[in-house]
Amino acid sequence: KRAHLIDQQRKREYSLLSNLPDATKITEDSEEFQYVVTNFYSTIYEHHSKIRIIQVNMAAAAQQFTQSSIDVCLHHGCLLQVERLMNRLLYNQYKLKKASILQQSTHPVVERTLYHGTSEGSVTEICVHGFNRSFCGKNGQGVYFAVNSSLSVQDQYSPPNADRHKFIFVSKVLTGDFTKGCHSMKTAPLKETGAIPLRYDSVTDDIKKPTIFVIFNDTQAFPEYLITCQRISLQRLRYHSTRCPSLSSPVSSAPSPAAPQWL
């Protein structure tokens, strides 16, 4: 609806837009359009790039993770808190990387839910900036992720703080095409087949039955949840496993799984 001005003396009605030039269509690929859009988003960037951390209801958390290997924490009462991370910038970077890998990957499973244990001091860094290879040198040349949480809860990966709390990230990881890795690798090796030299998306300790994946591109993983759990002893796990045989998968009488030697 256009605005009008009424001249009471002359009893006439004038359009306020009558003296304005006709509207000119601007294509989306024009420099003017890109300039306007860029400036618009720059004004709201601060709002959209904010990081939100939402505490998840424990009942909902139990339902979310009960079918996964993190249920070892749920059944033994050591799960203290589950927080969902919402970082728009990291997620957008992850989506772009996923689209790229989907175009080139030959493996049917491109994305996996994996676990990453860390120290309390690295939690904020990961929440804000994502996974950084420079903080993971002691565990190899890339960022490692475990298939089972029973590996991530080990002290060498998630050292407990003064309150005996441990921190585990549940993450979406783009494993794509992978091959067997070794400690000296600073990046994923090149694929042997194909006219165009392409690298594998990740490496693992065992191609047929992987327990760990390592990525060399920081945008290939997105931290979805942060789990804070209580440190519990192996003896307590064995005690509970005898009372709850259904948990024999992550909890057994065998020693805790050791870190793969190639890491």
C-alpha atoms as a PDB file:
ATOM      1  CA  LYS A   1       0.000   0.000   0.000  1.00  0.00           C
ATOM      2  CA  ARG A   2       1.484   3.306  -1.097  1.00  0.00           C
ATOM      3  CA  ALA A   3       1.536   6.459   1.039  1.00  0.00           C
ATOM      4  CA  HIS A   4      -0.444   9.470  -0.187  1.00  0.00           C
ATOM      5  CA  LEU A   5      -0.629  13.169   0.666  1.00  0.00           C
ATOM      6  CA  ILE A   6      -4.031  14.948   0.603  1.00  0.00           C
ATOM      7  CA  ASP A   7      -4.189  18.646  -0.348  1.00  0.00           C
ATOM      8  CA  GLN A   8      -7.247  19.928   1.535  1.00  0.00           C
ATOM      9  CA  GLN A   9      -7.386  23.258  -0.310  1.00  0.00           C
ATOM     10  CA  ARG A  10      -7.244  21.805  -3.812  1.00  0.00           C
ATOM     11  CA  LYS A  11      -9.082  18.648  -2.811  1.00  0.00           C
ATOM     12  CA  ARG A  12      -6.458  16.496  -4.464  1.00  0.00           C
ATOM     13  CA  GLU A  13      -4.508  13.414  -3.499  1.00  0.00           C
ATOM     14  CA  TYR A  14      -0.836  13.008  -4.371  1.00  0.00           C
ATOM     15  CA  SER A  15       1.363   9.946  -4.169  1.00  0.00           C
ATOM     16  CA  LEU A  16       4.474  10.476  -2.086  1.00  0.00           C
ATOM     17  CA  LEU A  17       6.336   8.190  -4.508  1.00  0.00           C
ATOM     18  CA  SER A  18       5.335  10.061  -7.653  1.00  0.00           C
ATOM     19  CA  ASN A  19       8.596  12.004  -7.831  1.00  0.00           C
ATOM     20  CA  LEU A  20      10.822   9.005  -7.159  1.00  0.00           C
ATOM     21  CA  PRO A  21      12.631   7.257 -10.018  1.00  0.00           C
ATOM     22  CA  ASP A  22      11.340   3.909 -11.195  1.00  0.00           C
ATOM     23  CA  ALA A  23      12.728   0.877  -9.382  1.00  0.00           C
ATOM     24  CA  THR A  24      15.623  -0.891 -11.087  1.00  0.00           C
ATOM     25  CA  LYS A  25      16.025  -4.629 -10.793  1.00  0.00           C
ATOM     26  CA  ILE A  26      19.397  -5.813  -9.478  1.00  0.00           C
ATOM     27  CA  THR A  27      20.635  -9.297 -10.242  1.00  0.00           C
ATOM     28  CA  GLU A  28      22.014 -11.431  -7.416  1.00  0.00           C
ATOM     29  CA  ASP A  29      25.420 -11.753  -9.047  1.00  0.00           C
ATOM     30  CA  SER A  30      25.874  -8.002  -9.457  1.00  0.00           C
ATOM     31  CA  GLU A  31      28.478  -6.124  -7.425  1.00  0.00           C
ATOM     32  CA  GLU A  32      25.829  -3.824  -5.966  1.00  0.00           C
ATOM     33  CA  PHE A  33      23.742  -6.723  -4.688  1.00  0.00           C
ATOM     34  CA  GLN A  34      26.778  -8.432  -3.150  1.00  0.00           C
ATOM     35  CA  TYR A  35      27.803  -5.170  -1.485  1.00  0.00           C
ATOM     36  CA  VAL A  36      24.371  -4.713   0.102  1.00  0.00           C
ATOM     37  CA  VAL A  37      24.190  -8.322   1.284  1.00  0.00           C
ATOM     38  CA  THR A  38      27.710  -8.237   2.704  1.00  0.00           C
ATOM     39  CA  ASN A  39      27.008  -5.086   4.676  1.00  0.00           C
ATOM     40  CA  PHE A  40      23.698  -6.462   5.915  1.00  0.00           C
ATOM     41  CA  TYR A  41      25.222  -9.647   7.257  1.00  0.00           C
ATOM     42  CA  SER A  42      28.149  -7.812   8.780  1.00  0.00           C
ATOM     43  CA  THR A  43      25.705  -5.888  10.989  1.00  0.00           C
ATOM     44  CA  ILE A  44      24.154  -9.083  12.367  1.00  0.00           C
ATOM     45  CA  TYR A  45      27.309 -11.233  12.351  1.00  0.00           C
ATOM     46  CA  GLU A  46      27.908 -10.655  16.036  1.00  0.00           C
ATOM     47  CA  HIS A  47      24.429 -11.932  16.842  1.00  0.00           C
ATOM     48  CA  HIS A  48      24.627 -14.987  14.601  1.00  0.00           C
ATOM     49  CA  SER A  49      28.141 -15.986  15.627  1.00  0.00           C
ATOM     50  CA  LYS A  50      27.305 -16.207  19.305  1.00  0.00           C
ATOM     51  CA  ILE A  51      27.864 -19.570  20.912  1.00  0.00           C
ATOM     52  CA  ARG A  52      25.042 -21.130  22.871  1.00  0.00           C
ATOM     53  CA  ILE A  53      25.508 -23.920  25.391  1.00  0.00           C
ATOM     54  CA  ILE A  54      22.253 -25.565  26.444  1.00  0.00           C
ATOM     55  CA  GLN A  55      22.086 -27.995  29.339  1.00  0.00           C
ATOM     56  CA  VAL A  56      20.244 -31.145  28.327  1.00  0.00           C
ATOM     57  CA  ASN A  57      17.672 -32.711  30.630  1.00  0.00           C
ATOM     58  CA  MET A  58      19.175 -35.858  32.133  1.00  0.00           C
ATOM     59  CA  ALA A  59      16.164 -37.981  31.185  1.00  0.00           C
ATOM     60  CA  ALA A  60      16.467 -36.779  27.606  1.00  0.00           C
ATOM     61  CA  ALA A  61      20.200 -37.435  27.705  1.00  0.00           C
ATOM     62  CA  ALA A  62      19.613 -40.993  28.853  1.00  0.00           C
ATOM     63  CA  GLN A  63      17.225 -41.554  25.979  1.00  0.00           C
ATOM     64  CA  GLN A  64      19.645 -39.940  23.537  1.00  0.00           C
ATOM     65  CA  PHE A  65      22.695 -41.984  24.466  1.00  0.00           C
ATOM     66  CA  THR A  66      21.301 -45.218  25.901  1.00  0.00           C
ATOM     67  CA  GLN A  67      21.852 -47.071  22.622  1.00  0.00           C
ATOM     68  CA  SER A  68      25.403 -45.815  22.229  1.00  0.00           C
ATOM     69  CA  SER A  69      28.645 -46.755  23.896  1.00  0.00           C
ATOM     70  CA  ILE A  70      28.340 -43.796  26.269  1.00  0.00           C
ATOM     71  CA  ASP A  71      25.758 -45.848  28.210  1.00  0.00           C
ATOM     72  CA  VAL A  72      28.580 -47.080  30.431  1.00  0.00           C
ATOM     73  CA  CYS A  73      28.417 -43.667  32.126  1.00  0.00           C
ATOM     74  CA  LEU A  74      24.626 -43.606  32.230  1.00  0.00           C
ATOM     75  CA  HIS A  75      24.170 -46.983  33.922  1.00  0.00           C
ATOM     76  CA  HIS A  76      26.847 -46.504  36.553  1.00  0.00           C
ATOM     77  CA  GLY A  77      25.698 -43.118  37.796  1.00  0.00           C
ATOM     78  CA  CYS A  78      28.859 -41.307  36.755  1.00  0.00           C
ATOM     79  CA  LEU A  79      27.176 -39.016  34.217  1.00  0.00           C
ATOM     80  CA  LEU A  80      26.977 -35.556  35.776  1.00  0.00           C
ATOM     81  CA  GLN A  81      25.948 -33.235  32.972  1.00  0.00           C
ATOM     82  CA  VAL A  82      25.221 -33.151  29.254  1.00  0.00           C
ATOM     83  CA  GLU A  83      25.402 -29.875  27.343  1.00  0.00           C
ATOM     84  CA  ARG A  84      24.464 -29.267  23.736  1.00  0.00           C
ATOM     85  CA  LEU A  85      26.748 -26.908  21.837  1.00  0.00           C
ATOM     86  CA  MET A  86      25.432 -24.497  19.224  1.00  0.00           C
ATOM     87  CA  ASN A  87      28.179 -22.691  17.315  1.00  0.00           C
ATOM     88  CA  ARG A  88      26.822 -21.387  14.012  1.00  0.00           C
ATOM     89  CA  LEU A  89      30.227 -20.550  12.536  1.00  0.00           C
ATOM     90  CA  LEU A  90      31.695 -23.994  13.209  1.00  0.00           C
ATOM     91  CA  TYR A  91      28.550 -25.703  11.961  1.00  0.00           C
ATOM     92  CA  ASN A  92      28.522 -23.769   8.684  1.00  0.00           C
ATOM     93  CA  GLN A  93      32.178 -24.652   8.094  1.00  0.00           C
ATOM     94  CA  TYR A  94      31.361 -28.287   8.815  1.00  0.00           C
ATOM     95  CA  LYS A  95      28.440 -28.283   6.355  1.00  0.00           C
ATOM     96  CA  LEU A  96      30.636 -26.904   3.570  1.00  0.00           C
ATOM     97  CA  LYS A  97      33.271 -29.565   4.206  1.00  0.00           C
ATOM     98  CA  LYS A  98      30.614 -32.283   4.268  1.00  0.00           C
ATOM     99  CA  ALA A  99      29.252 -31.184   0.893  1.00  0.00           C
ATOM    100  CA  SER A 100      32.768 -31.339  -0.555  1.00  0.00           C
ATOM    101  CA  ILE A 101      33.482 -34.829   0.818  1.00  0.00           C
ATOM    102  CA  LEU A 102      30.111 -36.152  -0.358  1.00  0.00           C
ATOM    103  CA  GLN A 103      31.022 -35.256  -3.936  1.00  0.00           C
ATOM    104  CA  GLN A 104      34.302 -37.199  -3.873  1.00  0.00           C
ATOM    105  CA  SER A 105      33.900 -39.982  -1.310  1.00  0.00           C
ATOM    106  CA  THR A 106      33.428 -43.575  -2.435  1.00  0.00           C
ATOM    107  CA  HIS A 107      32.675 -44.925   1.047  1.00  0.00           C
ATOM    108  CA  PRO A 108      28.965 -45.412   1.848  1.00  0.00           C
ATOM    109  CA  VAL A 109      29.381 -43.941   5.348  1.00  0.00           C
ATOM    110  CA  VAL A 110      30.728 -40.403   5.237  1.00  0.00           C
ATOM    111  CA  GLU A 111      29.677 -39.142   8.669  1.00  0.00           C
ATOM    112  CA  ARG A 112      30.005 -40.848  12.060  1.00  0.00           C
ATOM    113  CA  THR A 113      29.240 -40.029  15.683  1.00  0.00           C
ATOM    114  CA  LEU A 114      32.537 -40.380  17.552  1.00  0.00           C
ATOM    115  CA  TYR A 115      34.018 -39.439  20.933  1.00  0.00           C
ATOM    116  CA  HIS A 116      36.866 -37.134  21.895  1.00  0.00           C
ATOM    117  CA  GLY A 117      38.194 -37.005  25.444  1.00  0.00           C
ATOM    118  CA  THR A 118      40.014 -33.874  26.518  1.00  0.00           C
ATOM    119  CA  SER A 119      41.272 -31.952  29.536  1.00  0.00           C
ATOM    120  CA  GLU A 120      39.230 -29.317  31.339  1.00  0.00           C
ATOM    121  CA  GLY A 121      41.552 -26.606  30.067  1.00  0.00           C
ATOM    122  CA  SER A 122      40.794 -27.446  26.429  1.00  0.00           C
ATOM    123  CA  VAL A 123      36.994 -27.475  26.747  1.00  0.00           C
ATOM    124  CA  THR A 124      36.459 -23.756  26.142  1.00  0.00           C
ATOM    125  CA  GLU A 125      38.913 -23.720  23.243  1.00  0.00           C
ATOM    126  CA  ILE A 126      37.044 -26.536  21.499  1.00  0.00           C
ATOM    127  CA  CYS A 127      33.624 -24.995  22.156  1.00  0.00           C
ATOM    128  CA  VAL A 128      34.696 -21.673  20.642  1.00  0.00           C
ATOM    129  CA  HIS A 129      37.180 -22.621  17.920  1.00  0.00           C
ATOM    130  CA  GLY A 130      36.552 -26.306  17.320  1.00  0.00           C
ATOM    131  CA  PHE A 131      39.104 -29.110  17.275  1.00  0.00           C
ATOM    132  CA  ASN A 132      42.639 -27.914  16.694  1.00  0.00           C
ATOM    133  CA  ARG A 133      45.467 -30.209  15.615  1.00  0.00           C
ATOM    134  CA  SER A 134      48.033 -28.086  17.424  1.00  0.00           C
ATOM    135  CA  PHE A 135      46.540 -29.210  20.764  1.00  0.00           C
ATOM    136  CA  CYS A 136      46.646 -32.898  19.882  1.00  0.00           C
ATOM    137  CA  GLY A 137      50.314 -33.519  19.144  1.00  0.00           C
ATOM    138  CA  LYS A 138      50.757 -36.014  21.958  1.00  0.00           C
ATOM    139  CA  ASN A 139      48.068 -38.203  20.415  1.00  0.00           C
ATOM    140  CA  GLY A 140      49.389 -38.164  16.886  1.00  0.00           C
ATOM    141  CA  GLN A 141      49.698 -35.662  14.070  1.00  0.00           C
ATOM    142  CA  GLY A 142      45.953 -35.036  13.735  1.00  0.00           C
ATOM    143  CA  VAL A 143      42.835 -34.927  15.889  1.00  0.00           C
ATOM    144  CA  TYR A 144      41.777 -38.358  17.140  1.00  0.00           C
ATOM    145  CA  PHE A 145      38.245 -39.618  17.744  1.00  0.00           C
ATOM    146  CA  ALA A 146      37.250 -42.907  19.351  1.00  0.00           C
ATOM    147  CA  VAL A 147      34.514 -45.202  18.075  1.00  0.00           C
ATOM    148  CA  ASN A 148      33.681 -46.236  21.660  1.00  0.00           C
ATOM    149  CA  SER A 149      33.515 -43.918  24.647  1.00  0.00           C
ATOM    150  CA  SER A 150      35.295 -46.531  26.766  1.00  0.00           C
ATOM    151  CA  LEU A 151      38.513 -45.393  25.120  1.00  0.00           C
ATOM    152  CA  SER A 152      37.836 -41.674  25.534  1.00  0.00           C
ATOM    153  CA  VAL A 153      37.161 -41.969  29.282  1.00  0.00           C
ATOM    154  CA  GLN A 154      40.684 -43.255  29.906  1.00  0.00           C
ATOM    155  CA  ASP A 155      42.841 -40.829  31.852  1.00  0.00           C
ATOM    156  CA  GLN A 156      45.398 -40.399  29.083  1.00  0.00           C
ATOM    157  CA  TYR A 157      42.694 -38.915  26.836  1.00  0.00           C
ATOM    158  CA  SER A 158      40.436 -37.202  29.391  1.00  0.00           C
ATOM    159  CA  PRO A 159      42.530 -36.453  32.486  1.00  0.00           C
ATOM    160  CA  PRO A 160      40.293 -35.783  35.516  1.00  0.00           C
ATOM    161  CA  ASN A 161      40.321 -32.363  37.131  1.00  0.00           C
ATOM    162  CA  ALA A 162      40.659 -31.684  40.851  1.00  0.00           C
ATOM    163  CA  ASP A 163      37.043 -32.766  41.394  1.00  0.00           C
ATOM    164  CA  ARG A 164      37.635 -36.006  39.469  1.00  0.00           C
ATOM    165  CA  HIS A 165      35.450 -34.784  36.615  1.00  0.00           C
ATOM    166  CA  LYS A 166      36.193 -35.881  33.070  1.00  0.00           C
ATOM    167  CA  PHE A 167      35.138 -34.247  29.802  1.00  0.00           C
ATOM    168  CA  ILE A 168      34.049 -36.077  26.645  1.00  0.00           C
ATOM    169  CA  PHE A 169      32.842 -34.480  23.412  1.00  0.00           C
ATOM    170  CA  VAL A 170      30.257 -36.339  21.336  1.00  0.00           C
ATOM    171  CA  SER A 171      31.015 -35.178  17.810  1.00  0.00           C
ATOM    172  CA  LYS A 172      29.948 -35.507  14.217  1.00  0.00           C
ATOM    173  CA  VAL A 173      33.048 -36.475  12.234  1.00  0.00           C
ATOM    174  CA  LEU A 174      33.492 -36.702   8.469  1.00  0.00           C
ATOM    175  CA  THR A 175      35.575 -39.855   8.083  1.00  0.00           C
ATOM    176  CA  GLY A 176      34.800 -40.265   4.361  1.00  0.00           C
ATOM    177  CA  ASP A 177      37.325 -42.457   2.564  1.00  0.00           C
ATOM    178  CA  PHE A 178      39.905 -43.715   5.053  1.00  0.00           C
ATOM    179  CA  THR A 179      43.022 -45.862   5.136  1.00  0.00           C
ATOM    180  CA  LYS A 180      45.412 -47.223   7.749  1.00  0.00           C
ATOM    181  CA  GLY A 181      47.512 -44.549   9.409  1.00  0.00           C
ATOM    182  CA  CYS A 182      50.842 -44.321  11.176  1.00  0.00           C
ATOM    183  CA  HIS A 183      52.347 -41.998  13.768  1.00  0.00           C
ATOM    184  CA  SER A 184      54.564 -40.118  11.308  1.00  0.00           C
ATOM    185  CA  MET A 185      51.671 -38.946   9.111  1.00  0.00           C
ATOM    186  CA  LYS A 186      51.119 -35.196   9.189  1.00  0.00           C
ATOM    187  CA  THR A 187      48.324 -35.433   6.648  1.00  0.00           C
ATOM    188  CA  ALA A 188      46.228 -38.161   5.097  1.00  0.00           C
ATOM    189  CA  PRO A 189      48.068 -40.022   2.291  1.00  0.00           C
ATOM    190  CA  LEU A 190      47.205 -39.758  -1.381  1.00  0.00           C
ATOM    191  CA  LYS A 191      44.901 -42.335  -2.916  1.00  0.00           C
ATOM    192  CA  GLU A 192      46.685 -44.733  -5.243  1.00  0.00           C
ATOM    193  CA  THR A 193      43.904 -44.816  -7.816  1.00  0.00           C
ATOM    194  CA  GLY A 194      42.501 -41.979  -9.875  1.00  0.00           C
ATOM    195  CA  ALA A 195      43.921 -39.597 -12.430  1.00  0.00           C
ATOM    196  CA  ILE A 196      43.470 -36.627 -10.089  1.00  0.00           C
ATOM    197  CA  PRO A 197      45.676 -36.753  -6.958  1.00  0.00           C
ATOM    198  CA  LEU A 198      43.207 -36.853  -4.064  1.00  0.00           C
ATOM    199  CA  ARG A 199      43.933 -37.569  -0.412  1.00  0.00           C
ATOM    200  CA  TYR A 200      42.033 -39.828   1.923  1.00  0.00           C
ATOM    201  CA  ASP A 201      39.669 -37.979   4.238  1.00  0.00           C
ATOM    202  CA  SER A 202      40.921 -39.689   7.400  1.00  0.00           C
ATOM    203  CA  VAL A 203      43.078 -42.530   8.708  1.00  0.00           C
ATOM    204  CA  THR A 204      42.348 -45.290  11.201  1.00  0.00           C
ATOM    205  CA  ASP A 205      44.066 -47.987  13.238  1.00  0.00           C
ATOM    206  CA  ASP A 206      42.204 -50.864  11.579  1.00  0.00           C
ATOM    207  CA  ILE A 207      40.439 -50.607   8.229  1.00  0.00           C
ATOM    208  CA  LYS A 208      38.152 -53.602   8.825  1.00  0.00           C
ATOM    209  CA  LYS A 209      37.329 -52.882  12.471  1.00  0.00           C
ATOM    210  CA  PRO A 210      38.373 -49.320  13.351  1.00  0.00           C
ATOM    211  CA  THR A 211      38.506 -48.156  16.949  1.00  0.00           C
ATOM    212  CA  ILE A 212      40.002 -44.724  16.273  1.00  0.00           C
ATOM    213  CA  PHE A 213      39.806 -42.226  13.428  1.00  0.00           C
ATOM    214  CA  VAL A 214      42.199 -39.337  12.888  1.00  0.00           C
ATOM    215  CA  ILE A 215      41.416 -36.274  10.788  1.00  0.00           C
ATOM    216  CA  PHE A 216      43.852 -33.651   9.540  1.00  0.00           C
ATOM    217  CA  ASN A 217      41.372 -30.915   8.648  1.00  0.00           C
ATOM    218  CA  ASP A 218      39.869 -29.095  11.612  1.00  0.00           C
ATOM    219  CA  THR A 219      36.550 -28.402   9.861  1.00  0.00           C
ATOM    220  CA  GLN A 220      35.856 -32.141   9.457  1.00  0.00           C
ATOM    221  CA  ALA A 221      34.458 -32.422  12.978  1.00  0.00           C
ATOM    222  CA  PHE A 222      31.708 -30.602  14.821  1.00  0.00           C
ATOM    223  CA  PRO A 223      31.312 -30.872  18.634  1.00  0.00           C
ATOM    224  CA  GLU A 224      27.628 -31.582  19.319  1.00  0.00           C
ATOM    225  CA  TYR A 225      27.561 -32.447  23.006  1.00  0.00           C
ATOM    226  CA  LEU A 226      29.877 -32.034  25.972  1.00  0.00           C
ATOM    227  CA  ILE A 227      29.546 -34.786  28.549  1.00  0.00           C
ATOM    228  CA  THR A 228      30.872 -34.230  32.047  1.00  0.00           C
ATOM    229  CA  CYS A 229      31.229 -37.463  33.978  1.00  0.00           C
ATOM    230  CA  GLN A 230      32.696 -38.666  37.240  1.00  0.00           C
ATOM    231  CA  ARG A 231      35.889 -40.633  37.254  1.00  0.00           C
ATOM    232  CA  ILE A 232      35.182 -44.230  38.281  1.00  0.00           C
ATOM    233  CA  SER A 233      37.559 -47.095  38.909  1.00  0.00           C
ATOM    234  CA  LEU A 234      37.828 -50.259  36.842  1.00  0.00           C
ATOM    235  CA  GLN A 235      36.947 -52.288  39.945  1.00  0.00           C
ATOM    236  CA  ARG A 236      33.632 -50.450  40.239  1.00  0.00           C
ATOM    237  CA  LEU A 237      32.892 -51.074  36.581  1.00  0.00           C
ATOM    238  CA  ARG A 238      33.574 -54.792  37.035  1.00  0.00           C
ATOM    239  CA  TYR A 239      31.328 -54.879  40.087  1.00  0.00           C
ATOM    240  CA  HIS A 240      28.428 -53.278  38.235  1.00  0.00           C
ATOM    241  CA  SER A 241      28.986 -55.401  35.129  1.00  0.00           C
ATOM    242  CA  THR A 242      28.396 -58.551  37.195  1.00  0.00           C
ATOM    243  CA  ARG A 243      25.072 -57.106  38.362  1.00  0.00           C
ATOM    244  CA  CYS A 244      24.085 -55.889  34.911  1.00  0.00           C
ATOM    245  CA  PRO A 245      25.267 -58.439  32.294  1.00  0.00           C
ATOM    246  CA  SER A 246      23.688 -56.442  29.458  1.00  0.00           C
ATOM    247  CA  LEU A 247      26.549 -53.997  29.770  1.00  0.00           C
ATOM    248  CA  SER A 248      29.164 -56.575  28.882  1.00  0.00           C
ATOM    249  CA  SER A 249      30.002 -54.738  25.659  1.00  0.00           C
ATOM    250  CA  PRO A 250      31.679 -51.609  27.046  1.00  0.00           C
ATOM    251  CA  VAL A 251      32.457 -53.176  30.441  1.00  0.00           C
ATOM    252  CA  SER A 252      34.221 -56.497  30.732  1.00  0.00           C
ATOM    253  CA  SER A 253      36.658 -58.340  32.920  1.00  0.00           C
ATOM    254  CA  ALA A 254      39.390 -57.701  30.402  1.00  0.00           C
ATOM    255  CA  PRO A 255      41.775 -54.770  30.905  1.00  0.00           C
ATOM    256  CA  SER A 256      40.794 -51.408  29.489  1.00  0.00           C
ATOM    257  CA  PRO A 257      41.612 -51.127  25.785  1.00  0.00           C
ATOM    258  CA  ALA A 258      45.016 -49.652  25.273  1.00  0.00           C
ATOM    259  CA  ALA A 259      45.730 -46.821  22.896  1.00  0.00           C
ATOM    260  CA  PRO A 260      46.681 -48.025  19.416  1.00  0.00           C
ATOM    261  CA  GLN A 261      50.450 -48.141  19.074  1.00  0.00           C
ATOM    262  CA  TRP A 262      50.496 -46.084  15.879  1.00  0.00           C
ATOM    263  CA  LEU A 263      49.285 -43.082  17.843  1.00  0.00           C
END
